[in-house]
PDB file of all heavy atoms in Angstrom:
ATOM      1  N   SER A   1       1.202  -6.089  27.786  1.00  0.00           N
ATOM      2  CA  SER A   1       1.789  -7.362  28.218  1.00  0.00           C
ATOM      3  C   SER A   1       1.381  -7.657  29.621  1.00  0.00           C
ATOM      4  O   SER A   1       2.224  -7.638  30.565  1.00  0.00           O
ATOM      5  CB  SER A   1       3.313  -7.268  28.070  1.00  0.00           C
ATOM      6  OG  SER A   1       3.845  -6.275  28.916  1.00  0.00           O
ATOM      7  N   GLY A   2       0.137  -7.914  29.867  1.00  0.00           N
ATOM      8  CA  GLY A   2      -0.370  -8.286  31.165  1.00  0.00           C
ATOM      9  C   GLY A   2      -0.399  -7.203  32.201  1.00  0.00           C
ATOM     10  O   GLY A   2      -0.021  -7.372  33.335  1.00  0.00           O
ATOM     11  N   GLY A   3      -0.810  -5.992  31.785  1.00  0.00           N
ATOM     12  CA  GLY A   3      -0.984  -4.929  32.761  1.00  0.00           C
ATOM     13  C   GLY A   3       0.095  -3.863  32.721  1.00  0.00           C
ATOM     14  O   GLY A   3      -0.112  -2.798  33.253  1.00  0.00           O
ATOM     15  N   THR A   4       1.220  -4.205  32.169  1.00  0.00           N
ATOM     16  CA  THR A   4       2.291  -3.193  32.091  1.00  0.00           C
ATOM     17  C   THR A   4       2.537  -2.864  30.624  1.00  0.00           C
ATOM     18  O   THR A   4       2.360  -3.703  29.739  1.00  0.00           O
ATOM     19  CB  THR A   4       3.590  -3.639  32.726  1.00  0.00           C
ATOM     20  OG1 THR A   4       4.003  -4.838  32.013  1.00  0.00           O
ATOM     21  CG2 THR A   4       3.391  -4.001  34.211  1.00  0.00           C
ATOM     22  N   ASN A   5       2.869  -1.592  30.375  1.00  0.00           N
ATOM     23  CA  ASN A   5       3.131  -1.183  28.957  1.00  0.00           C
ATOM     24  C   ASN A   5       4.627  -1.364  28.683  1.00  0.00           C
ATOM     25  O   ASN A   5       5.445  -0.939  29.425  1.00  0.00           O
ATOM     26  CB  ASN A   5       2.717   0.278  28.761  1.00  0.00           C
ATOM     27  CG  ASN A   5       1.259   0.419  28.766  1.00  0.00           C
ATOM     28  OD1 ASN A   5       0.539  -0.518  28.441  1.00  0.00           O
ATOM     29  ND2 ASN A   5       0.755   1.595  29.129  1.00  0.00           N
ATOM     30  N   VAL A   6       4.925  -2.001  27.571  1.00  0.00           N
ATOM     31  CA  VAL A   6       6.260  -2.231  27.119  1.00  0.00           C
ATOM     32  C   VAL A   6       6.408  -1.524  25.758  1.00  0.00           C
ATOM     33  O   VAL A   6       5.481  -1.566  24.987  1.00  0.00           O
ATOM     34  CB  VAL A   6       6.554  -3.720  26.944  1.00  0.00           C
ATOM     35  CG1 VAL A   6       7.942  -3.947  26.350  1.00  0.00           C
ATOM     36  CG2 VAL A   6       6.359  -4.483  28.257  1.00  0.00           C
ATOM     37  N   CYS A   7       7.498  -0.834  25.563  1.00  0.00           N
ATOM     38  CA  CYS A   7       7.737  -0.144  24.285  1.00  0.00           C
ATOM     39  C   CYS A   7       8.301  -1.106  23.303  1.00  0.00           C
ATOM     40  O   CYS A   7       9.317  -1.750  23.575  1.00  0.00           O
ATOM     41  CB  CYS A   7       8.624   1.043  24.579  1.00  0.00           C
ATOM     42  SG  CYS A   7       8.854   2.067  23.119  1.00  0.00           S
ATOM     43  N   ALA A   8       7.693  -1.244  22.180  1.00  0.00           N
ATOM     44  CA  ALA A   8       8.219  -2.105  21.082  1.00  0.00           C
ATOM     45  C   ALA A   8       8.752  -1.184  19.984  1.00  0.00           C
ATOM     46  O   ALA A   8       8.169  -0.176  19.660  1.00  0.00           O
ATOM     47  CB  ALA A   8       7.104  -3.001  20.509  1.00  0.00           C
ATOM     48  N   LYS A   9       9.900  -1.528  19.449  1.00  0.00           N
ATOM     49  CA  LYS A   9      10.516  -0.694  18.416  1.00  0.00           C
ATOM     50  C   LYS A   9      10.673  -1.526  17.130  1.00  0.00           C
ATOM     51  O   LYS A   9      10.938  -2.700  17.145  1.00  0.00           O
ATOM     52  CB  LYS A   9      11.925  -0.229  18.900  1.00  0.00           C
ATOM     53  CG  LYS A   9      11.866   0.640  20.113  1.00  0.00           C
ATOM     54  CD  LYS A   9      13.265   1.078  20.472  1.00  0.00           C
ATOM     55  CE  LYS A   9      13.223   1.895  21.739  1.00  0.00           C
ATOM     56  NZ  LYS A   9      14.558   2.319  22.138  1.00  0.00           N
ATOM     57  N   ARG A  10      10.457  -0.863  16.049  1.00  0.00           N
ATOM     58  CA  ARG A  10      10.751  -1.438  14.745  1.00  0.00           C
ATOM     59  C   ARG A  10      11.563  -0.490  13.942  1.00  0.00           C
ATOM     60  O   ARG A  10      11.250   0.743  13.860  1.00  0.00           O
ATOM     61  CB  ARG A  10       9.402  -1.691  14.026  1.00  0.00           C
ATOM     62  CG  ARG A  10       9.616  -2.186  12.584  1.00  0.00           C
ATOM     63  CD  ARG A  10       8.353  -2.550  11.921  1.00  0.00           C
ATOM     64  NE  ARG A  10       7.910  -3.783  12.544  1.00  0.00           N
ATOM     65  CZ  ARG A  10       6.755  -4.328  12.279  1.00  0.00           C
ATOM     66  NH1 ARG A  10       5.961  -3.757  11.434  1.00  0.00           N
ATOM     67  NH2 ARG A  10       6.413  -5.464  12.861  1.00  0.00           N
ATOM     68  N   ARG A  11      12.614  -0.934  13.354  1.00  0.00           N
ATOM     69  CA  ARG A  11      13.521  -0.115  12.573  1.00  0.00           C
ATOM     70  C   ARG A  11      13.264  -0.418  11.102  1.00  0.00           C
ATOM     71  O   ARG A  11      13.190  -1.561  10.730  1.00  0.00           O
ATOM     72  CB  ARG A  11      14.953  -0.337  12.936  1.00  0.00           C
ATOM     73  CG  ARG A  11      15.913   0.528  12.271  1.00  0.00           C
ATOM     74  CD  ARG A  11      17.280   0.320  12.807  1.00  0.00           C
ATOM     75  NE  ARG A  11      17.313   0.466  14.222  1.00  0.00           N
ATOM     76  CZ  ARG A  11      17.785   1.496  14.853  1.00  0.00           C
ATOM     77  NH1 ARG A  11      18.261   2.526  14.194  1.00  0.00           N
ATOM     78  NH2 ARG A  11      17.816   1.613  16.183  1.00  0.00           N
ATOM     79  N   ILE A  12      13.066   0.628  10.337  1.00  0.00           N
ATOM     80  CA  ILE A  12      12.868   0.462   8.882  1.00  0.00           C
ATOM     81  C   ILE A  12      14.065   1.083   8.155  1.00  0.00           C
ATOM     82  O   ILE A  12      14.373   2.279   8.414  1.00  0.00           O
ATOM     83  CB  ILE A  12      11.546   1.169   8.453  1.00  0.00           C
ATOM     84  CG1 ILE A  12      10.386   0.522   9.189  1.00  0.00           C
ATOM     85  CG2 ILE A  12      11.354   1.075   6.915  1.00  0.00           C
ATOM     86  CD1 ILE A  12       9.116   1.249   8.982  1.00  0.00           C
ATOM     87  N   GLN A  13      14.662   0.330   7.323  1.00  0.00           N
ATOM     88  CA  GLN A  13      15.798   0.813   6.545  1.00  0.00           C
ATOM     89  C   GLN A  13      15.343   1.040   5.108  1.00  0.00           C
ATOM     90  O   GLN A  13      14.731   0.117   4.501  1.00  0.00           O
ATOM     91  CB  GLN A  13      16.941  -0.164   6.588  1.00  0.00           C
ATOM     92  CG  GLN A  13      18.140   0.288   5.772  1.00  0.00           C
ATOM     93  CD  GLN A  13      19.326  -0.681   5.911  1.00  0.00           C
ATOM     94  OE1 GLN A  13      19.439  -1.378   6.909  1.00  0.00           O
ATOM     95  NE2 GLN A  13      20.168  -0.735   4.919  1.00  0.00           N
ATOM     96  N   VAL A  14      15.639   2.173   4.531  1.00  0.00           N
ATOM     97  CA  VAL A  14      15.308   2.495   3.150  1.00  0.00           C
ATOM     98  C   VAL A  14      16.626   2.775   2.487  1.00  0.00           C
ATOM     99  O   VAL A  14      17.340   3.669   2.831  1.00  0.00           O
ATOM    100  CB  VAL A  14      14.375   3.690   3.040  1.00  0.00           C
ATOM    101  CG1 VAL A  14      14.062   3.993   1.624  1.00  0.00           C
ATOM    102  CG2 VAL A  14      13.104   3.406   3.851  1.00  0.00           C
ATOM    103  N   ASN A  15      16.874   1.971   1.442  1.00  0.00           N
ATOM    104  CA  ASN A  15      18.129   2.196   0.645  1.00  0.00           C
ATOM    105  C   ASN A  15      17.764   3.055  -0.544  1.00  0.00           C
ATOM    106  O   ASN A  15      16.814   2.728  -1.242  1.00  0.00           O
ATOM    107  CB  ASN A  15      18.735   0.842   0.221  1.00  0.00           C
ATOM    108  CG  ASN A  15      19.191   0.036   1.354  1.00  0.00           C
ATOM    109  OD1 ASN A  15      19.760   0.578   2.322  1.00  0.00           O
ATOM    110  ND2 ASN A  15      18.974  -1.247   1.288  1.00  0.00           N
ATOM    111  N   THR A  16      18.509   4.110  -0.734  1.00  0.00           N
ATOM    112  CA  THR A  16      18.210   5.005  -1.914  1.00  0.00           C
ATOM    113  C   THR A  16      19.480   5.064  -2.779  1.00  0.00           C
ATOM    114  O   THR A  16      20.596   4.798  -2.336  1.00  0.00           O
ATOM    115  CB  THR A  16      17.877   6.378  -1.432  1.00  0.00           C
ATOM    116  OG1 THR A  16      18.917   6.931  -0.698  1.00  0.00           O
ATOM    117  CG2 THR A  16      16.609   6.374  -0.592  1.00  0.00           C
ATOM    118  N   ALA A  17      19.253   5.516  -3.980  1.00  0.00           N
ATOM    119  CA  ALA A  17      20.396   5.738  -4.905  1.00  0.00           C
ATOM    120  C   ALA A  17      20.257   7.126  -5.468  1.00  0.00           C
ATOM    121  O   ALA A  17      19.167   7.671  -5.588  1.00  0.00           O
ATOM    122  CB  ALA A  17      20.345   4.739  -6.011  1.00  0.00           C
ATOM    123  N   GLY A  18      21.360   7.733  -5.801  1.00  0.00           N
ATOM    124  CA  GLY A  18      21.340   9.077  -6.339  1.00  0.00           C
ATOM    125  C   GLY A  18      21.076  10.061  -5.255  1.00  0.00           C
ATOM    126  O   GLY A  18      21.494   9.899  -4.103  1.00  0.00           O
ATOM    127  N   GLY A  19      20.373  11.112  -5.528  1.00  0.00           N
ATOM    128  CA  GLY A  19      20.058  12.145  -4.575  1.00  0.00           C
ATOM    129  C   GLY A  19      18.581  12.468  -4.552  1.00  0.00           C
ATOM    130  O   GLY A  19      17.820  11.953  -5.303  1.00  0.00           O
ATOM    131  N   SER A  20      18.224  13.349  -3.659  1.00  0.00           N
ATOM    132  CA  SER A  20      16.828  13.747  -3.593  1.00  0.00           C
ATOM    133  C   SER A  20      16.475  14.684  -4.710  1.00  0.00           C
ATOM    134  O   SER A  20      17.390  15.175  -5.453  1.00  0.00           O
ATOM    135  CB  SER A  20      16.538  14.430  -2.252  1.00  0.00           C
ATOM    136  OG  SER A  20      17.271  15.655  -2.181  1.00  0.00           O
ATOM    137  N   ALA A  21      15.259  14.961  -4.895  1.00  0.00           N
ATOM    138  CA  ALA A  21      14.801  15.884  -5.973  1.00  0.00           C
ATOM    139  C   ALA A  21      15.505  17.240  -5.879  1.00  0.00           C
ATOM    140  O   ALA A  21      15.549  17.788  -4.770  1.00  0.00           O
ATOM    141  CB  ALA A  21      13.306  16.013  -5.946  1.00  0.00           C
ATOM    142  N   HIS A  22      16.102  17.670  -6.871  1.00  0.00           N
ATOM    143  CA  HIS A  22      16.731  18.964  -6.951  1.00  0.00           C
ATOM    144  C   HIS A  22      17.890  19.055  -6.009  1.00  0.00           C
ATOM    145  O   HIS A  22      18.363  20.143  -5.633  1.00  0.00           O
ATOM    146  CB  HIS A  22      15.739  20.090  -6.693  1.00  0.00           C
ATOM    147  CG  HIS A  22      14.548  19.977  -7.606  1.00  0.00           C
ATOM    148  ND1 HIS A  22      14.601  20.337  -8.907  1.00  0.00           N
ATOM    149  CD2 HIS A  22      13.271  19.616  -7.372  1.00  0.00           C
ATOM    150  CE1 HIS A  22      13.437  20.101  -9.461  1.00  0.00           C
ATOM    151  NE2 HIS A  22      12.607  19.690  -8.536  1.00  0.00           N
ATOM    152  N   GLY A  23      18.426  17.931  -5.556  1.00  0.00           N
ATOM    153  CA  GLY A  23      19.588  17.895  -4.683  1.00  0.00           C
ATOM    154  C   GLY A  23      19.397  18.525  -3.343  1.00  0.00           C
ATOM    155  O   GLY A  23      20.306  19.063  -2.692  1.00  0.00           O
ATOM    156  N   ALA A  24      18.160  18.515  -2.815  1.00  0.00           N
ATOM    157  CA  ALA A  24      17.877  19.129  -1.497  1.00  0.00           C
ATOM    158  C   ALA A  24      17.265  18.096  -0.595  1.00  0.00           C
ATOM    159  O   ALA A  24      16.705  17.067  -0.976  1.00  0.00           O
ATOM    160  CB  ALA A  24      16.910  20.287  -1.720  1.00  0.00           C
ATOM    161  N   ALA A  25      17.363  18.384   0.702  1.00  0.00           N
ATOM    162  CA  ALA A  25      16.778  17.548   1.762  1.00  0.00           C
ATOM    163  C   ALA A  25      15.277  17.736   1.798  1.00  0.00           C
ATOM    164  O   ALA A  25      14.570  16.784   2.004  1.00  0.00           O
ATOM    165  CB  ALA A  25      17.408  17.855   3.097  1.00  0.00           C
ATOM    166  N   VAL A  26      14.799  18.942   1.667  1.00  0.00           N
ATOM    167  CA  VAL A  26      13.369  19.252   1.692  1.00  0.00           C
ATOM    168  C   VAL A  26      13.050  20.142   0.550  1.00  0.00           C
ATOM    169  O   VAL A  26      13.687  21.179   0.263  1.00  0.00           O
ATOM    170  CB  VAL A  26      13.007  20.004   3.019  1.00  0.00           C
ATOM    171  CG1 VAL A  26      11.537  20.343   3.038  1.00  0.00           C
ATOM    172  CG2 VAL A  26      13.402  19.186   4.223  1.00  0.00           C
ATOM    173  N   VAL A  27      12.020  19.751  -0.280  1.00  0.00           N
ATOM    174  CA  VAL A  27      11.573  20.516  -1.410  1.00  0.00           C
ATOM    175  C   VAL A  27      10.063  20.611  -1.308  1.00  0.00           C
ATOM    176  O   VAL A  27       9.359  19.641  -1.033  1.00  0.00           O
ATOM    177  CB  VAL A  27      11.979  19.846  -2.771  1.00  0.00           C
ATOM    178  CG1 VAL A  27      11.440  20.619  -3.948  1.00  0.00           C
ATOM    179  CG2 VAL A  27      13.470  19.618  -2.818  1.00  0.00           C
ATOM    180  N   SER A  28       9.522  21.838  -1.534  1.00  0.00           N
ATOM    181  CA  SER A  28       8.079  22.015  -1.393  1.00  0.00           C
ATOM    182  C   SER A  28       7.538  22.985  -2.456  1.00  0.00           C
ATOM    183  O   SER A  28       8.279  23.982  -2.776  1.00  0.00           O
ATOM    184  CB  SER A  28       7.814  22.552  -0.011  1.00  0.00           C
ATOM    185  OG  SER A  28       6.368  22.879   0.110  1.00  0.00           O
ATOM    186  N   LYS A  29       6.284  22.817  -2.878  1.00  0.00           N
ATOM    187  CA  LYS A  29       5.666  23.799  -3.728  1.00  0.00           C
ATOM    188  C   LYS A  29       5.269  25.037  -2.922  1.00  0.00           C
ATOM    189  O   LYS A  29       5.315  26.128  -3.455  1.00  0.00           O
ATOM    190  CB  LYS A  29       4.394  23.219  -4.344  1.00  0.00           C
ATOM    191  CG  LYS A  29       4.596  22.288  -5.542  1.00  0.00           C
ATOM    192  CD  LYS A  29       3.224  21.856  -6.025  1.00  0.00           C
ATOM    193  CE  LYS A  29       3.370  21.122  -7.324  1.00  0.00           C
ATOM    194  NZ  LYS A  29       2.109  20.827  -7.905  1.00  0.00           N
ATOM    195  N   GLY A  30       4.800  24.797  -1.723  1.00  0.00           N
ATOM    196  CA  GLY A  30       4.259  25.870  -0.874  1.00  0.00           C
ATOM    197  C   GLY A  30       5.170  26.162   0.326  1.00  0.00           C
ATOM    198  O   GLY A  30       6.262  25.611   0.442  1.00  0.00           O
ATOM    199  N   PRO A  31       4.645  26.961   1.236  1.00  0.00           N
ATOM    200  CA  PRO A  31       5.378  27.384   2.389  1.00  0.00           C
ATOM    201  C   PRO A  31       5.806  26.191   3.284  1.00  0.00           C
ATOM    202  O   PRO A  31       5.183  25.175   3.286  1.00  0.00           O
ATOM    203  CB  PRO A  31       4.419  28.292   3.201  1.00  0.00           C
ATOM    204  CG  PRO A  31       3.439  28.739   2.117  1.00  0.00           C
ATOM    205  CD  PRO A  31       3.314  27.642   1.153  1.00  0.00           C
ATOM    206  N   ILE A  32       6.909  26.388   3.946  1.00  0.00           N
ATOM    207  CA  ILE A  32       7.425  25.347   4.906  1.00  0.00           C
ATOM    208  C   ILE A  32       7.543  26.014   6.277  1.00  0.00           C
ATOM    209  O   ILE A  32       8.051  27.083   6.427  1.00  0.00           O
ATOM    210  CB  ILE A  32       8.837  24.869   4.443  1.00  0.00           C
ATOM    211  CG1 ILE A  32       8.784  24.218   3.047  1.00  0.00           C
ATOM    212  CG2 ILE A  32       9.464  23.959   5.481  1.00  0.00           C
ATOM    213  CD1 ILE A  32      10.172  23.865   2.501  1.00  0.00           C
ATOM    214  N   TYR A  33       6.995  25.303   7.287  1.00  0.00           N
ATOM    215  CA  TYR A  33       7.025  25.830   8.638  1.00  0.00           C
ATOM    216  C   TYR A  33       7.758  24.826   9.502  1.00  0.00           C
ATOM    217  O   TYR A  33       7.247  23.732   9.743  1.00  0.00           O
ATOM    218  CB  TYR A  33       5.602  26.006   9.165  1.00  0.00           C
ATOM    219  CG  TYR A  33       4.789  26.889   8.267  1.00  0.00           C
ATOM    220  CD1 TYR A  33       3.778  26.363   7.474  1.00  0.00           C
ATOM    221  CD2 TYR A  33       4.975  28.301   8.228  1.00  0.00           C
ATOM    222  CE1 TYR A  33       3.061  27.177   6.635  1.00  0.00           C
ATOM    223  CE2 TYR A  33       4.270  29.100   7.354  1.00  0.00           C
ATOM    224  CZ  TYR A  33       3.285  28.570   6.536  1.00  0.00           C
ATOM    225  OH  TYR A  33       2.570  29.355   5.716  1.00  0.00           O
ATOM    226  N   LEU A  34       8.951  25.210   9.947  1.00  0.00           N
ATOM    227  CA  LEU A  34       9.756  24.342  10.786  1.00  0.00           C
ATOM    228  C   LEU A  34       9.583  24.728  12.244  1.00  0.00           C
ATOM    229  O   LEU A  34      10.353  25.528  12.784  1.00  0.00           O
ATOM    230  CB  LEU A  34      11.235  24.389  10.435  1.00  0.00           C
ATOM    231  CG  LEU A  34      11.536  24.032   8.983  1.00  0.00           C
ATOM    232  CD1 LEU A  34      13.000  24.318   8.635  1.00  0.00           C
ATOM    233  CD2 LEU A  34      11.233  22.551   8.697  1.00  0.00           C
ATOM    234  N   SER A  35       8.511  24.262  12.867  1.00  0.00           N
ATOM    235  CA  SER A  35       8.278  24.665  14.259  1.00  0.00           C
ATOM    236  C   SER A  35       8.591  23.496  15.171  1.00  0.00           C
ATOM    237  O   SER A  35       8.710  22.385  14.735  1.00  0.00           O
ATOM    238  CB  SER A  35       6.797  25.048  14.404  1.00  0.00           C
ATOM    239  OG  SER A  35       5.976  23.966  14.068  1.00  0.00           O
ATOM    240  N   GLY A  36       8.728  23.810  16.437  1.00  0.00           N
ATOM    241  CA  GLY A  36       9.047  22.763  17.377  1.00  0.00           C
ATOM    242  C   GLY A  36      10.477  22.947  17.888  1.00  0.00           C
ATOM    243  O   GLY A  36      11.187  23.847  17.463  1.00  0.00           O
ATOM    244  N   ASN A  37      10.805  22.081  18.841  1.00  0.00           N
ATOM    245  CA  ASN A  37      12.156  22.142  19.388  1.00  0.00           C
ATOM    246  C   ASN A  37      13.036  21.129  18.774  1.00  0.00           C
ATOM    247  O   ASN A  37      12.626  20.050  18.312  1.00  0.00           O
ATOM    248  CB  ASN A  37      12.057  21.841  20.935  1.00  0.00           C
ATOM    249  CG  ASN A  37      11.279  22.885  21.624  1.00  0.00           C
ATOM    250  OD1 ASN A  37      11.385  24.102  21.336  1.00  0.00           O
ATOM    251  ND2 ASN A  37      10.448  22.499  22.580  1.00  0.00           N
ATOM    252  N   ASN A  38      14.352  21.417  18.760  1.00  0.00           N
ATOM    253  CA  ASN A  38      15.373  20.512  18.315  1.00  0.00           C
ATOM    254  C   ASN A  38      15.164  20.007  16.868  1.00  0.00           C
ATOM    255  O   ASN A  38      15.384  18.851  16.551  1.00  0.00           O
ATOM    256  CB  ASN A  38      15.462  19.291  19.268  1.00  0.00           C
ATOM    257  CG  ASN A  38      15.764  19.705  20.655  1.00  0.00           C
ATOM    258  OD1 ASN A  38      16.613  20.600  20.886  1.00  0.00           O
ATOM    259  ND2 ASN A  38      15.072  19.148  21.580  1.00  0.00           N
ATOM    260  N   VAL A  39      14.788  20.927  15.945  1.00  0.00           N
ATOM    261  CA  VAL A  39      14.696  20.606  14.580  1.00  0.00           C
ATOM    262  C   VAL A  39      16.026  20.854  13.915  1.00  0.00           C
ATOM    263  O   VAL A  39      16.611  21.939  14.014  1.00  0.00           O
ATOM    264  CB  VAL A  39      13.580  21.416  13.856  1.00  0.00           C
ATOM    265  CG1 VAL A  39      13.639  21.195  12.359  1.00  0.00           C
ATOM    266  CG2 VAL A  39      12.244  21.138  14.439  1.00  0.00           C
TER     267      VAL A  39
END
């Protein structure tokens, strides 16, 4: 915006029904690595 950086935000809402596959938040065929901070 003319030489200065401005942060633009867009919020996306997803409406779901029922539950996730197998009733879990995360489901995987293979290994899961939860690395990083504040997970």
